[in-house]
PDB file of N, CA and C in Angstrom:
ATOM      1  N   MET A   1     -11.322 -59.629 300.222  1.00  0.00           N
ATOM      2  CA  MET A   1      -9.601 -59.958 300.073  1.00  0.00           C
ATOM      3  C   MET A   1      -9.407 -60.455 301.534  1.00  0.00           C
ATOM      4  N   MET A   2      -8.925 -61.898 300.887  1.00  0.00           N
ATOM      5  CA  MET A   2      -8.087 -62.594 302.102  1.00  0.00           C
ATOM      6  C   MET A   2      -7.105 -61.746 303.390  1.00  0.00           C
ATOM      7  N   ASP A   3      -7.139 -62.573 304.414  1.00  0.00           N
ATOM      8  CA  ASP A   3      -5.721 -62.087 305.056  1.00  0.00           C
ATOM      9  C   ASP A   3      -4.120 -62.446 304.151  1.00  0.00           C
ATOM     10  N   ASN A   4      -4.310 -62.767 303.108  1.00  0.00           N
ATOM     11  CA  ASN A   4      -2.960 -63.657 302.376  1.00  0.00           C
ATOM     12  C   ASN A   4      -3.190 -62.673 301.625  1.00  0.00           C
ATOM     13  N   LYS A   5      -4.165 -61.904 301.258  1.00  0.00           N
ATOM     14  CA  LYS A   5      -3.869 -60.606 300.164  1.00  0.00           C
ATOM     15  C   LYS A   5      -4.396 -61.276 298.941  1.00  0.00           C
ATOM     16  N   LYS A   6      -4.847 -62.453 298.931  1.00  0.00           N
ATOM     17  CA  LYS A   6      -5.675 -62.328 297.519  1.00  0.00           C
ATOM     18  C   LYS A   6      -7.209 -62.458 297.933  1.00  0.00           C
ATOM     19  N   ILE A   7      -7.191 -61.749 296.214  1.00  0.00           N
ATOM     20  CA  ILE A   7      -8.707 -61.959 296.201  1.00  0.00           C
ATOM     21  C   ILE A   7      -9.822 -63.055 294.983  1.00  0.00           C
ATOM     22  N   LEU A   8     -10.928 -63.007 296.198  1.00  0.00           N
ATOM     23  CA  LEU A   8     -11.767 -64.136 295.057  1.00  0.00           C
ATOM     24  C   LEU A   8     -12.425 -63.400 294.603  1.00  0.00           C
ATOM     25  N   TRP A   9     -13.253 -64.114 293.439  1.00  0.00           N
ATOM     26  CA  TRP A   9     -14.394 -63.199 293.217  1.00  0.00           C
ATOM     27  C   TRP A   9     -14.887 -64.202 292.615  1.00  0.00           C
ATOM     28  N   PHE A  10     -17.091 -64.064 292.504  1.00  0.00           N
ATOM     29  CA  PHE A  10     -17.931 -65.262 292.521  1.00  0.00           C
ATOM     30  C   PHE A  10     -19.220 -64.316 291.549  1.00  0.00           C
ATOM     31  N   GLY A  11     -19.649 -65.743 291.440  1.00  0.00           N
ATOM     32  CA  GLY A  11     -20.916 -64.296 290.557  1.00  0.00           C
ATOM     33  C   GLY A  11     -20.872 -64.700 288.848  1.00  0.00           C
ATOM     34  N   SER A  12     -21.568 -63.042 288.612  1.00  0.00           N
ATOM     35  CA  SER A  12     -21.986 -62.988 287.179  1.00  0.00           C
ATOM     36  C   SER A  12     -20.998 -61.321 287.344  1.00  0.00           C
ATOM     37  N   ASN A  13     -20.279 -61.887 285.875  1.00  0.00           N
ATOM     38  CA  ASN A  13     -20.088 -59.893 285.882  1.00  0.00           C
ATOM     39  C   ASN A  13     -19.323 -60.577 284.597  1.00  0.00           C
ATOM     40  N   GLY A  14     -18.634 -59.654 283.819  1.00  0.00           N
ATOM     41  CA  GLY A  14     -17.973 -59.004 282.369  1.00  0.00           C
ATOM     42  C   GLY A  14     -17.117 -60.465 281.690  1.00  0.00           C
ATOM     43  N   SER A  15     -17.038 -60.926 283.315  1.00  0.00           N
ATOM     44  CA  SER A  15     -15.580 -61.919 282.863  1.00  0.00           C
ATOM     45  C   SER A  15     -16.239 -63.265 283.120  1.00  0.00           C
ATOM     46  N   ILE A  16     -16.984 -63.537 284.160  1.00  0.00           N
ATOM     47  CA  ILE A  16     -17.380 -65.007 284.537  1.00  0.00           C
ATOM     48  C   ILE A  16     -18.893 -64.953 284.434  1.00  0.00           C
ATOM     49  N   GLN A  17     -19.160 -65.409 284.374  1.00  0.00           N
ATOM     50  CA  GLN A  17     -20.865 -66.185 284.728  1.00  0.00           C
ATOM     51  C   GLN A  17     -21.244 -67.622 285.864  1.00  0.00           C
ATOM     52  N   GLN A  18     -22.137 -67.157 286.317  1.00  0.00           N
ATOM     53  CA  GLN A  18     -22.453 -68.114 287.595  1.00  0.00           C
ATOM     54  C   GLN A  18     -22.121 -68.687 288.202  1.00  0.00           C
ATOM     55  N   GLN A  19     -20.594 -67.989 288.451  1.00  0.00           N
ATOM     56  CA  GLN A  19     -19.648 -68.730 289.247  1.00  0.00           C
ATOM     57  C   GLN A  19     -20.256 -68.810 290.627  1.00  0.00           C
ATOM     58  N   LEU A  20     -20.340 -70.255 291.168  1.00  0.00           N
ATOM     59  CA  LEU A  20     -21.683 -70.709 292.883  1.00  0.00           C
ATOM     60  C   LEU A  20     -20.050 -70.211 293.740  1.00  0.00           C
ATOM     61  N   THR A  21     -18.763 -70.762 293.310  1.00  0.00           N
ATOM     62  CA  THR A  21     -18.081 -71.170 293.876  1.00  0.00           C
ATOM     63  C   THR A  21     -16.854 -69.823 293.780  1.00  0.00           C
ATOM     64  N   PRO A  22     -16.108 -69.611 295.381  1.00  0.00           N
ATOM     65  CA  PRO A  22     -15.368 -68.755 295.422  1.00  0.00           C
ATOM     66  C   PRO A  22     -13.887 -69.133 293.859  1.00  0.00           C
ATOM     67  N   ASN A  23     -13.591 -68.333 293.428  1.00  0.00           N
ATOM     68  CA  ASN A  23     -12.179 -68.479 292.642  1.00  0.00           C
ATOM     69  C   ASN A  23     -11.227 -67.393 293.301  1.00  0.00           C
ATOM     70  N   GLN A  24      -9.850 -67.449 292.978  1.00  0.00           N
ATOM     71  CA  GLN A  24      -8.622 -66.806 293.140  1.00  0.00           C
ATOM     72  C   GLN A  24      -8.810 -65.936 292.206  1.00  0.00           C
ATOM     73  N   PHE A  25      -9.095 -64.548 292.063  1.00  0.00           N
ATOM     74  CA  PHE A  25      -8.656 -63.826 290.939  1.00  0.00           C
ATOM     75  C   PHE A  25      -7.253 -63.613 290.535  1.00  0.00           C
ATOM     76  N   THR A  26      -7.331 -63.713 289.036  1.00  0.00           N
ATOM     77  CA  THR A  26      -5.811 -63.553 288.227  1.00  0.00           C
ATOM     78  C   THR A  26      -5.731 -61.711 287.855  1.00  0.00           C
ATOM     79  N   TRP A  27      -4.781 -61.751 288.602  1.00  0.00           N
ATOM     80  CA  TRP A  27      -4.548 -59.765 287.556  1.00  0.00           C
ATOM     81  C   TRP A  27      -5.039 -60.659 285.787  1.00  0.00           C
ATOM     82  N   SER A  28      -4.130 -61.338 285.406  1.00  0.00           N
ATOM     83  CA  SER A  28      -3.747 -61.696 283.815  1.00  0.00           C
ATOM     84  C   SER A  28      -5.350 -61.701 283.339  1.00  0.00           C
ATOM     85  N   THR A  29      -5.987 -61.574 284.221  1.00  0.00           N
ATOM     86  CA  THR A  29      -7.143 -62.086 283.581  1.00  0.00           C
ATOM     87  C   THR A  29      -8.119 -60.681 282.821  1.00  0.00           C
ATOM     88  N   LYS A  30      -7.975 -60.354 283.691  1.00  0.00           N
ATOM     89  CA  LYS A  30      -8.328 -58.009 283.302  1.00  0.00           C
ATOM     90  C   LYS A  30      -6.927 -57.469 282.364  1.00  0.00           C
ATOM     91  N   GLU A  31      -6.450 -57.705 283.121  1.00  0.00           N
ATOM     92  CA  GLU A  31      -5.100 -56.871 282.215  1.00  0.00           C
ATOM     93  C   GLU A  31      -4.329 -58.092 281.947  1.00  0.00           C
ATOM     94  N   PRO A  32      -4.343 -58.110 280.753  1.00  0.00           N
ATOM     95  CA  PRO A  32      -2.501 -59.492 280.347  1.00  0.00           C
ATOM     96  C   PRO A  32      -1.176 -58.624 280.463  1.00  0.00           C
ATOM     97  N   TYR A  33      -1.415 -57.686 280.417  1.00  0.00           N
ATOM     98  CA  TYR A  33       0.146 -56.886 279.975  1.00  0.00           C
ATOM     99  C   TYR A  33       0.356 -57.298 281.767  1.00  0.00           C
ATOM    100  N   ILE A  34      -0.450 -57.412 282.728  1.00  0.00           N
ATOM    101  CA  ILE A  34       0.369 -57.822 283.974  1.00  0.00           C
ATOM    102  C   ILE A  34       0.621 -59.048 284.364  1.00  0.00           C
ATOM    103  N   HIS A  35       2.001 -59.407 284.277  1.00  0.00           N
ATOM    104  CA  HIS A  35       2.473 -60.670 284.765  1.00  0.00           C
ATOM    105  C   HIS A  35       2.620 -61.149 286.308  1.00  0.00           C
ATOM    106  N   GLU A  36       1.941 -62.403 286.440  1.00  0.00           N
ATOM    107  CA  GLU A  36       0.969 -62.797 288.031  1.00  0.00           C
ATOM    108  C   GLU A  36       2.590 -63.194 288.373  1.00  0.00           C
ATOM    109  N   ASP A  37       3.747 -62.822 287.867  1.00  0.00           N
ATOM    110  CA  ASP A  37       4.924 -63.066 289.048  1.00  0.00           C
ATOM    111  C   ASP A  37       5.313 -61.472 289.406  1.00  0.00           C
ATOM    112  N   ALA A  38       3.839 -60.609 288.722  1.00  0.00           N
ATOM    113  CA  ALA A  38       4.493 -58.953 289.101  1.00  0.00           C
ATOM    114  C   ALA A  38       4.226 -59.153 291.058  1.00  0.00           C
ATOM    115  N   ASN A  39       4.722 -58.378 291.759  1.00  0.00           N
ATOM    116  CA  ASN A  39       4.478 -58.273 293.164  1.00  0.00           C
ATOM    117  C   ASN A  39       3.428 -57.063 292.897  1.00  0.00           C
ATOM    118  N   LEU A  40       2.554 -56.998 293.145  1.00  0.00           N
ATOM    119  CA  LEU A  40       1.271 -56.334 292.894  1.00  0.00           C
ATOM    120  C   LEU A  40       0.141 -57.203 294.159  1.00  0.00           C
ATOM    121  N   ILE A  41       0.223 -56.080 295.205  1.00  0.00           N
ATOM    122  CA  ILE A  41      -0.499 -56.367 296.205  1.00  0.00           C
ATOM    123  C   ILE A  41      -1.750 -55.742 296.407  1.00  0.00           C
ATOM    124  N   PRO A  42      -2.672 -56.114 296.646  1.00  0.00           N
ATOM    125  CA  PRO A  42      -3.967 -55.344 297.087  1.00  0.00           C
ATOM    126  C   PRO A  42      -3.888 -54.735 298.326  1.00  0.00           C
ATOM    127  N   VAL A  43      -4.372 -53.376 299.249  1.00  0.00           N
ATOM    128  CA  VAL A  43      -4.160 -53.032 299.860  1.00  0.00           C
ATOM    129  C   VAL A  43      -6.006 -52.515 300.473  1.00  0.00           C
ATOM    130  N   ARG A  44      -6.836 -51.963 299.467  1.00  0.00           N
ATOM    131  CA  ARG A  44      -7.910 -51.620 300.222  1.00  0.00           C
ATOM    132  C   ARG A  44      -8.749 -52.548 298.247  1.00  0.00           C
ATOM    133  N   ILE A  45     -10.086 -52.747 298.503  1.00  0.00           N
ATOM    134  CA  ILE A  45     -11.372 -52.723 297.858  1.00  0.00           C
ATOM    135  C   ILE A  45     -12.186 -51.869 298.058  1.00  0.00           C
ATOM    136  N   LEU A  46     -12.329 -51.120 296.852  1.00  0.00           N
ATOM    137  CA  LEU A  46     -13.787 -49.903 297.463  1.00  0.00           C
ATOM    138  C   LEU A  46     -14.643 -50.283 296.117  1.00  0.00           C
ATOM    139  N   SER A  47     -16.209 -50.530 296.249  1.00  0.00           N
ATOM    140  CA  SER A  47     -16.924 -51.005 295.572  1.00  0.00           C
ATOM    141  C   SER A  47     -18.338 -49.685 295.804  1.00  0.00           C
ATOM    142  N   THR A  48     -18.959 -49.894 294.494  1.00  0.00           N
ATOM    143  CA  THR A  48     -20.258 -48.841 294.274  1.00  0.00           C
ATOM    144  C   THR A  48     -21.140 -49.214 293.903  1.00  0.00           C
ATOM    145  N   TRP A  49     -22.522 -48.979 293.221  1.00  0.00           N
ATOM    146  CA  TRP A  49     -23.353 -50.131 292.303  1.00  0.00           C
ATOM    147  C   TRP A  49     -24.505 -49.038 292.227  1.00  0.00           C
ATOM    148  N   SER A  50     -25.545 -49.232 290.867  1.00  0.00           N
ATOM    149  CA  SER A  50     -26.758 -48.713 290.507  1.00  0.00           C
ATOM    150  C   SER A  50     -27.128 -49.965 290.298  1.00  0.00           C
ATOM    151  N   LYS A  51     -28.596 -49.560 289.337  1.00  0.00           N
ATOM    152  CA  LYS A  51     -29.192 -50.899 289.279  1.00  0.00           C
ATOM    153  C   LYS A  51     -28.768 -51.309 287.861  1.00  0.00           C
ATOM    154  N   THR A  52     -27.924 -50.394 286.621  1.00  0.00           N
ATOM    155  CA  THR A  52     -27.517 -50.893 285.778  1.00  0.00           C
ATOM    156  C   THR A  52     -25.616 -51.331 286.024  1.00  0.00           C
ATOM    157  N   MET A  53     -25.510 -50.618 287.190  1.00  0.00           N
ATOM    158  CA  MET A  53     -24.081 -51.149 286.479  1.00  0.00           C
ATOM    159  C   MET A  53     -23.234 -51.412 288.058  1.00  0.00           C
ATOM    160  N   SER A  54     -22.204 -52.211 288.152  1.00  0.00           N
ATOM    161  CA  SER A  54     -20.766 -51.708 289.511  1.00  0.00           C
ATOM    162  C   SER A  54     -19.923 -51.970 288.953  1.00  0.00           C
ATOM    163  N   LEU A  55     -19.276 -50.993 289.762  1.00  0.00           N
ATOM    164  CA  LEU A  55     -17.948 -50.709 290.199  1.00  0.00           C
ATOM    165  C   LEU A  55     -16.686 -51.403 290.851  1.00  0.00           C
ATOM    166  N   ILE A  56     -16.004 -52.002 290.834  1.00  0.00           N
ATOM    167  CA  ILE A  56     -14.966 -52.117 291.888  1.00  0.00           C
ATOM    168  C   ILE A  56     -13.537 -51.884 291.660  1.00  0.00           C
ATOM    169  N   TYR A  57     -13.025 -50.671 292.557  1.00  0.00           N
ATOM    170  CA  TYR A  57     -11.649 -50.199 292.443  1.00  0.00           C
ATOM    171  C   TYR A  57     -11.108 -50.947 293.699  1.00  0.00           C
ATOM    172  N   VAL A  58      -9.782 -51.258 293.097  1.00  0.00           N
ATOM    173  CA  VAL A  58      -8.733 -51.908 293.896  1.00  0.00           C
ATOM    174  C   VAL A  58      -7.462 -50.904 293.854  1.00  0.00           C
ATOM    175  N   THR A  59      -7.051 -50.720 294.995  1.00  0.00           N
ATOM    176  CA  THR A  59      -5.935 -49.745 295.085  1.00  0.00           C
ATOM    177  C   THR A  59      -4.319 -50.807 295.418  1.00  0.00           C
ATOM    178  N   VAL A  60      -3.695 -51.204 294.638  1.00  0.00           N
ATOM    179  CA  VAL A  60      -2.638 -51.948 294.926  1.00  0.00           C
ATOM    180  C   VAL A  60      -0.942 -51.336 295.159  1.00  0.00           C
ATOM    181  N   ALA A  61      -0.586 -51.979 295.878  1.00  0.00           N
ATOM    182  CA  ALA A  61       0.924 -51.367 296.137  1.00  0.00           C
ATOM    183  C   ALA A  61       2.142 -52.045 295.046  1.00  0.00           C
ATOM    184  N   ASP A  62       2.636 -51.852 294.501  1.00  0.00           N
ATOM    185  CA  ASP A  62       3.435 -52.562 293.706  1.00  0.00           C
ATOM    186  C   ASP A  62       4.617 -52.679 294.469  1.00  0.00           C
ATOM    187  N   MET A  63       5.464 -53.781 295.042  1.00  0.00           N
ATOM    188  CA  MET A  63       6.333 -54.421 295.926  1.00  0.00           C
ATOM    189  C   MET A  63       7.375 -55.140 295.804  1.00  0.00           C
ATOM    190  N   THR A  64       8.090 -54.242 294.311  1.00  0.00           N
ATOM    191  CA  THR A  64       8.789 -54.958 293.466  1.00  0.00           C
ATOM    192  C   THR A  64       9.880 -54.770 294.027  1.00  0.00           C
ATOM    193  N   LYS A  65      10.222 -53.178 294.072  1.00  0.00           N
ATOM    194  CA  LYS A  65      11.381 -52.907 295.008  1.00  0.00           C
ATOM    195  C   LYS A  65      11.466 -52.533 296.204  1.00  0.00           C
ATOM    196  N   VAL A  66      10.687 -53.439 296.942  1.00  0.00           N
ATOM    197  CA  VAL A  66      10.332 -53.420 298.585  1.00  0.00           C
ATOM    198  C   VAL A  66      11.196 -54.697 299.119  1.00  0.00           C
ATOM    199  N   ARG A  67      12.312 -54.646 300.100  1.00  0.00           N
ATOM    200  CA  ARG A  67      13.304 -56.088 300.416  1.00  0.00           C
ATOM    201  C   ARG A  67      12.107 -56.430 301.493  1.00  0.00           C
ATOM    202  N   GLY A  68      11.888 -57.683 301.911  1.00  0.00           N
ATOM    203  CA  GLY A  68      11.712 -57.866 302.862  1.00  0.00           C
ATOM    204  C   GLY A  68      11.087 -59.116 302.826  1.00  0.00           C
ATOM    205  N   THR A  69      10.724 -59.472 304.165  1.00  0.00           N
ATOM    206  CA  THR A  69       9.364 -60.885 303.811  1.00  0.00           C
ATOM    207  C   THR A  69       7.771 -60.505 303.725  1.00  0.00           C
ATOM    208  N   PHE A  70       7.167 -61.756 303.835  1.00  0.00           N
ATOM    209  CA  PHE A  70       5.872 -60.991 303.720  1.00  0.00           C
ATOM    210  C   PHE A  70       5.632 -60.484 304.313  1.00  0.00           C
ATOM    211  N   ARG A  71       5.505 -61.252 305.289  1.00  0.00           N
ATOM    212  CA  ARG A  71       5.293 -60.408 306.285  1.00  0.00           C
ATOM    213  C   ARG A  71       5.024 -58.687 306.785  1.00  0.00           C
ATOM    214  N   ALA A  72       6.825 -59.004 307.269  1.00  0.00           N
ATOM    215  CA  ALA A  72       7.012 -56.970 306.738  1.00  0.00           C
ATOM    216  C   ALA A  72       6.348 -56.306 305.630  1.00  0.00           C
ATOM    217  N   LYS A  73       6.016 -56.845 304.809  1.00  0.00           N
ATOM    218  CA  LYS A  73       5.231 -56.403 303.880  1.00  0.00           C
ATOM    219  C   LYS A  73       4.381 -55.800 303.944  1.00  0.00           C
ATOM    220  N   HIS A  74       3.639 -56.852 304.626  1.00  0.00           N
ATOM    221  CA  HIS A  74       2.003 -56.827 304.909  1.00  0.00           C
ATOM    222  C   HIS A  74       1.666 -56.049 306.060  1.00  0.00           C
ATOM    223  N   LYS A  75       2.559 -55.482 307.067  1.00  0.00           N
ATOM    224  CA  LYS A  75       2.743 -54.948 308.228  1.00  0.00           C
ATOM    225  C   LYS A  75       3.070 -52.973 307.651  1.00  0.00           C
ATOM    226  N   ILE A  76       4.054 -53.143 306.551  1.00  0.00           N
ATOM    227  CA  ILE A  76       3.308 -51.955 305.774  1.00  0.00           C
ATOM    228  C   ILE A  76       2.449 -51.441 305.662  1.00  0.00           C
ATOM    229  N   LEU A  77       1.162 -52.017 304.812  1.00  0.00           N
ATOM    230  CA  LEU A  77       0.867 -52.017 303.946  1.00  0.00           C
ATOM    231  C   LEU A  77      -0.596 -51.921 304.901  1.00  0.00           C
ATOM    232  N   ASN A  78      -0.963 -52.479 305.796  1.00  0.00           N
ATOM    233  CA  ASN A  78      -1.452 -52.530 307.045  1.00  0.00           C
ATOM    234  C   ASN A  78      -1.295 -51.155 307.385  1.00  0.00           C
ATOM    235  N   ASN A  79      -0.091 -50.624 307.530  1.00  0.00           N
ATOM    236  CA  ASN A  79      -0.688 -48.882 308.469  1.00  0.00           C
ATOM    237  C   ASN A  79      -0.590 -47.893 307.728  1.00  0.00           C
ATOM    238  N   ILE A  80      -0.262 -48.048 306.160  1.00  0.00           N
ATOM    239  CA  ILE A  80      -0.757 -47.310 304.908  1.00  0.00           C
ATOM    240  C   ILE A  80      -2.143 -47.336 305.072  1.00  0.00           C
ATOM    241  N   SER A  81      -2.997 -48.570 304.932  1.00  0.00           N
ATOM    242  CA  SER A  81      -4.458 -48.865 304.666  1.00  0.00           C
ATOM    243  C   SER A  81      -5.285 -47.524 306.157  1.00  0.00           C
ATOM    244  N   ALA A  82      -4.457 -48.025 307.243  1.00  0.00           N
ATOM    245  CA  ALA A  82      -5.466 -47.941 308.586  1.00  0.00           C
ATOM    246  C   ALA A  82      -5.219 -45.930 308.576  1.00  0.00           C
ATOM    247  N   LYS A  83      -4.134 -44.958 307.769  1.00  0.00           N
ATOM    248  CA  LYS A  83      -4.493 -44.164 307.307  1.00  0.00           C
ATOM    249  C   LYS A  83      -5.219 -43.475 306.955  1.00  0.00           C
ATOM    250  N   TRP A  84      -5.237 -44.385 305.796  1.00  0.00           N
ATOM    251  CA  TRP A  84      -7.064 -43.885 305.097  1.00  0.00           C
ATOM    252  C   TRP A  84      -7.927 -44.062 305.429  1.00  0.00           C
ATOM    253  N   GLU A  85      -8.342 -44.893 306.552  1.00  0.00           N
ATOM    254  CA  GLU A  85      -9.573 -45.035 307.243  1.00  0.00           C
ATOM    255  C   GLU A  85      -9.870 -43.424 308.204  1.00  0.00           C
TER     256      GLU A  85
END
């Protein structure tokens, strides 16, 4: 996850094959019902893996109803994220 809250992915998985350079993840590639204009901001990413499977958990905040600049929203989400750790 980048500082601007964008998620980059590369490598191989069920959706992409041998992607050598990082690409920005778009929600609609995994969940077509989520529109790109939705105000979903990732807060944290957790992962676990074994020899046969890897799982990625992305916790997102729906900031649609929150007013303010991206910077203000970012500060709120950083506070929440710090309390989880």
